[in-house]
Amino acid sequence: MKKKQVNTYSFNEDSWKGIKITKCAVKQILLLISRDKKNKGIKLSIKKSGCAGFRYTMELTNDEKKISAENNIIFSYENILIQISKKDMPFLEGVKIDFIQSNINKVFKFYNSKLEKFCGCGESFSIN
């Protein structure tokens, strides 16, 4: 069976603010990806949610059919294949992703300077 080649997108870092992923988050993402050999990377996106409007989502991508360069930007960051929908790029530009571990709680945190407001529980946001 011939393997499907995934096209990647090269972008000019001077014109796109990109995303930042802390060392703790990179380590955790690589750990999650390594649990199943079918995992190819992560997909970052936003979804309508909560009282403020949107929330960030991050999911493992393990189906090559889902990793399409047609509607997505695909690039590698610290050995992690990252897929972002072209429509979500303005919302994810400049985002910093961190992994926080406090006692038994473990969570990925998204920081974005463009956020306008959060809902009371901190789960959803609106953006400028």
C-alpha atoms as a PDB file:
ATOM      1  CA  MET A   1       0.000   0.000   0.000  1.00  0.00           C
ATOM      2  CA  LYS A   2       1.451   3.343  -1.040  1.00  0.00           C
ATOM      3  CA  LYS A   3       1.667   5.942   1.727  1.00  0.00           C
ATOM      4  CA  LYS A   4      -0.056   9.242   1.036  1.00  0.00           C
ATOM      5  CA  GLN A   5       2.347  12.159   1.175  1.00  0.00           C
ATOM      6  CA  VAL A   6       1.227  15.107   3.278  1.00  0.00           C
ATOM      7  CA  ASN A   7       1.946  18.537   1.823  1.00  0.00           C
ATOM      8  CA  THR A   8       3.224  21.053   4.305  1.00  0.00           C
ATOM      9  CA  TYR A   9       2.822  24.807   4.254  1.00  0.00           C
ATOM     10  CA  SER A  10       5.836  27.072   4.568  1.00  0.00           C
ATOM     11  CA  PHE A  11       5.070  30.491   5.921  1.00  0.00           C
ATOM     12  CA  ASN A  12       7.073  33.644   6.452  1.00  0.00           C
ATOM     13  CA  GLU A  13       7.558  34.012  10.208  1.00  0.00           C
ATOM     14  CA  ASP A  14       7.981  37.775   9.770  1.00  0.00           C
ATOM     15  CA  SER A  15       4.419  38.161   8.499  1.00  0.00           C
ATOM     16  CA  TRP A  16       2.720  35.619  10.784  1.00  0.00           C
ATOM     17  CA  LYS A  17       3.131  35.824  14.548  1.00  0.00           C
ATOM     18  CA  GLY A  18       2.816  32.058  14.771  1.00  0.00           C
ATOM     19  CA  ILE A  19       2.279  30.108  17.937  1.00  0.00           C
ATOM     20  CA  LYS A  20       4.551  29.379  20.859  1.00  0.00           C
ATOM     21  CA  ILE A  21       4.566  26.134  22.814  1.00  0.00           C
ATOM     22  CA  THR A  22       6.411  25.961  26.125  1.00  0.00           C
ATOM     23  CA  LYS A  23       8.859  23.151  26.854  1.00  0.00           C
ATOM     24  CA  CYS A  24       6.402  21.611  29.340  1.00  0.00           C
ATOM     25  CA  ALA A  25       3.635  21.605  26.716  1.00  0.00           C
ATOM     26  CA  VAL A  26       5.949  20.174  24.025  1.00  0.00           C
ATOM     27  CA  LYS A  27       6.977  17.363  26.372  1.00  0.00           C
ATOM     28  CA  GLN A  28       3.337  16.526  27.204  1.00  0.00           C
ATOM     29  CA  ILE A  29       2.183  16.677  23.567  1.00  0.00           C
ATOM     30  CA  LEU A  30       5.027  14.377  22.462  1.00  0.00           C
ATOM     31  CA  LEU A  31       4.097  11.972  25.264  1.00  0.00           C
ATOM     32  CA  LEU A  32       0.453  11.916  24.136  1.00  0.00           C
ATOM     33  CA  ILE A  33       1.423  11.425  20.487  1.00  0.00           C
ATOM     34  CA  SER A  34       3.803   8.568  21.346  1.00  0.00           C
ATOM     35  CA  ARG A  35       1.079   6.500  23.044  1.00  0.00           C
ATOM     36  CA  ASP A  36      -0.216   5.309  19.671  1.00  0.00           C
ATOM     37  CA  LYS A  37       1.938   4.851  16.555  1.00  0.00           C
ATOM     38  CA  LYS A  38      -1.003   5.995  14.404  1.00  0.00           C
ATOM     39  CA  ASN A  39      -0.834   9.502  15.892  1.00  0.00           C
ATOM     40  CA  LYS A  40       0.627  12.017  13.478  1.00  0.00           C
ATOM     41  CA  GLY A  41       0.419  15.230  15.504  1.00  0.00           C
ATOM     42  CA  ILE A  42      -2.156  17.658  16.853  1.00  0.00           C
ATOM     43  CA  LYS A  43      -4.941  19.775  15.458  1.00  0.00           C
ATOM     44  CA  LEU A  44      -5.482  23.190  17.032  1.00  0.00           C
ATOM     45  CA  SER A  45      -8.808  24.917  16.544  1.00  0.00           C
ATOM     46  CA  ILE A  46     -11.485  27.038  18.120  1.00  0.00           C
ATOM     47  CA  LYS A  47     -15.125  26.119  18.667  1.00  0.00           C
ATOM     48  CA  LYS A  48     -18.159  28.165  19.541  1.00  0.00           C
ATOM     49  CA  SER A  49     -18.724  27.665  23.231  1.00  0.00           C
ATOM     50  CA  GLY A  50     -19.778  29.248  26.486  1.00  0.00           C
ATOM     51  CA  CYS A  51     -21.079  32.689  27.250  1.00  0.00           C
ATOM     52  CA  ALA A  52     -18.109  34.617  25.793  1.00  0.00           C
ATOM     53  CA  GLY A  53     -18.138  32.985  22.364  1.00  0.00           C
ATOM     54  CA  PHE A  54     -15.232  30.582  21.688  1.00  0.00           C
ATOM     55  CA  ARG A  55     -12.905  28.059  23.309  1.00  0.00           C
ATOM     56  CA  TYR A  56      -9.611  26.529  22.205  1.00  0.00           C
ATOM     57  CA  THR A  57      -9.451  22.847  21.306  1.00  0.00           C
ATOM     58  CA  MET A  58      -6.517  20.547  20.768  1.00  0.00           C
ATOM     59  CA  GLU A  59      -6.870  16.989  19.552  1.00  0.00           C
ATOM     60  CA  LEU A  60      -4.551  14.262  18.342  1.00  0.00           C
ATOM     61  CA  THR A  61      -4.618  13.626  14.607  1.00  0.00           C
ATOM     62  CA  ASN A  62      -4.182  10.025  13.585  1.00  0.00           C
ATOM     63  CA  ASP A  63      -6.046   9.801  10.304  1.00  0.00           C
ATOM     64  CA  GLU A  64      -4.105  10.940   7.240  1.00  0.00           C
ATOM     65  CA  LYS A  65      -7.393  11.777   5.495  1.00  0.00           C
ATOM     66  CA  LYS A  66      -7.992  14.452   8.130  1.00  0.00           C
ATOM     67  CA  ILE A  67      -4.572  15.982   7.496  1.00  0.00           C
ATOM     68  CA  SER A  68      -5.308  17.855   4.301  1.00  0.00           C
ATOM     69  CA  ALA A  69      -3.409  20.911   3.098  1.00  0.00           C
ATOM     70  CA  GLU A  70      -6.459  22.057   1.133  1.00  0.00           C
ATOM     71  CA  ASN A  71      -8.256  23.751   4.041  1.00  0.00           C
ATOM     72  CA  ASN A  72      -5.481  23.607   6.628  1.00  0.00           C
ATOM     73  CA  ILE A  73      -2.076  25.002   7.387  1.00  0.00           C
ATOM     74  CA  ILE A  74       0.279  22.177   8.342  1.00  0.00           C
ATOM     75  CA  PHE A  75       3.696  22.742   9.854  1.00  0.00           C
ATOM     76  CA  SER A  76       6.165  21.221  12.275  1.00  0.00           C
ATOM     77  CA  TYR A  77       7.070  22.757  15.621  1.00  0.00           C
ATOM     78  CA  GLU A  78       9.614  21.027  17.889  1.00  0.00           C
ATOM     79  CA  ASN A  79       8.993  17.670  16.112  1.00  0.00           C
ATOM     80  CA  ILE A  80       5.209  18.041  16.458  1.00  0.00           C
ATOM     81  CA  LEU A  81       3.096  18.055  13.296  1.00  0.00           C
ATOM     82  CA  ILE A  82       0.531  20.822  13.812  1.00  0.00           C
ATOM     83  CA  GLN A  83      -2.623  21.272  11.778  1.00  0.00           C
ATOM     84  CA  ILE A  84      -4.657  24.504  11.912  1.00  0.00           C
ATOM     85  CA  SER A  85      -7.736  25.241   9.832  1.00  0.00           C
ATOM     86  CA  LYS A  86      -7.190  28.271   7.588  1.00  0.00           C
ATOM     87  CA  LYS A  87     -10.369  29.832   8.986  1.00  0.00           C
ATOM     88  CA  ASP A  88      -9.005  29.546  12.553  1.00  0.00           C
ATOM     89  CA  MET A  89      -5.587  31.088  11.787  1.00  0.00           C
ATOM     90  CA  PRO A  90      -6.542  34.661  12.812  1.00  0.00           C
ATOM     91  CA  PHE A  91      -7.794  33.380  16.196  1.00  0.00           C
ATOM     92  CA  LEU A  92      -4.715  31.238  16.877  1.00  0.00           C
ATOM     93  CA  GLU A  93      -2.085  33.700  15.662  1.00  0.00           C
ATOM     94  CA  GLY A  94       0.168  34.710  18.535  1.00  0.00           C
ATOM     95  CA  VAL A  95      -1.153  32.054  20.939  1.00  0.00           C
ATOM     96  CA  LYS A  96       1.151  30.610  23.586  1.00  0.00           C
ATOM     97  CA  ILE A  97       0.349  27.077  24.780  1.00  0.00           C
ATOM     98  CA  ASP A  98       1.547  25.901  28.178  1.00  0.00           C
ATOM     99  CA  PHE A  99       1.010  22.735  30.199  1.00  0.00           C
ATOM    100  CA  ILE A 100       0.285  23.357  33.877  1.00  0.00           C
ATOM    101  CA  GLN A 101       0.445  20.704  36.561  1.00  0.00           C
ATOM    102  CA  SER A 102      -0.867  21.651  40.000  1.00  0.00           C
ATOM    103  CA  ASN A 103      -1.321  18.834  42.495  1.00  0.00           C
ATOM    104  CA  ILE A 104      -3.507  16.307  40.653  1.00  0.00           C
ATOM    105  CA  ASN A 105      -4.775  18.823  38.078  1.00  0.00           C
ATOM    106  CA  LYS A 106      -3.106  18.820  34.665  1.00  0.00           C
ATOM    107  CA  VAL A 107      -4.256  21.182  31.930  1.00  0.00           C
ATOM    108  CA  PHE A 108      -3.123  22.825  28.713  1.00  0.00           C
ATOM    109  CA  LYS A 109      -3.422  26.622  29.021  1.00  0.00           C
ATOM    110  CA  PHE A 110      -3.771  28.963  26.057  1.00  0.00           C
ATOM    111  CA  TYR A 111      -2.566  32.565  26.333  1.00  0.00           C
ATOM    112  CA  ASN A 112      -3.517  35.136  23.707  1.00  0.00           C
ATOM    113  CA  SER A 113      -2.925  38.898  23.922  1.00  0.00           C
ATOM    114  CA  LYS A 114      -5.780  39.522  21.465  1.00  0.00           C
ATOM    115  CA  LEU A 115      -8.440  38.234  23.856  1.00  0.00           C
ATOM    116  CA  GLU A 116     -11.110  40.766  24.627  1.00  0.00           C
ATOM    117  CA  LYS A 117     -12.895  39.023  27.514  1.00  0.00           C
ATOM    118  CA  PHE A 118     -13.270  35.686  29.313  1.00  0.00           C
ATOM    119  CA  CYS A 119     -16.398  34.170  30.738  1.00  0.00           C
ATOM    120  CA  GLY A 120     -16.547  33.779  34.528  1.00  0.00           C
ATOM    121  CA  CYS A 121     -15.331  30.171  34.524  1.00  0.00           C
ATOM    122  CA  GLY A 122     -12.458  30.948  32.115  1.00  0.00           C
ATOM    123  CA  GLU A 123     -13.534  28.310  29.591  1.00  0.00           C
ATOM    124  CA  SER A 124     -14.607  30.628  26.772  1.00  0.00           C
ATOM    125  CA  PHE A 125     -13.425  33.943  25.333  1.00  0.00           C
ATOM    126  CA  SER A 126     -14.084  36.579  22.729  1.00  0.00           C
ATOM    127  CA  ILE A 127     -11.395  38.085  20.548  1.00  0.00           C
ATOM    128  CA  ASN A 128     -10.745  41.526  19.006  1.00  0.00           C
END
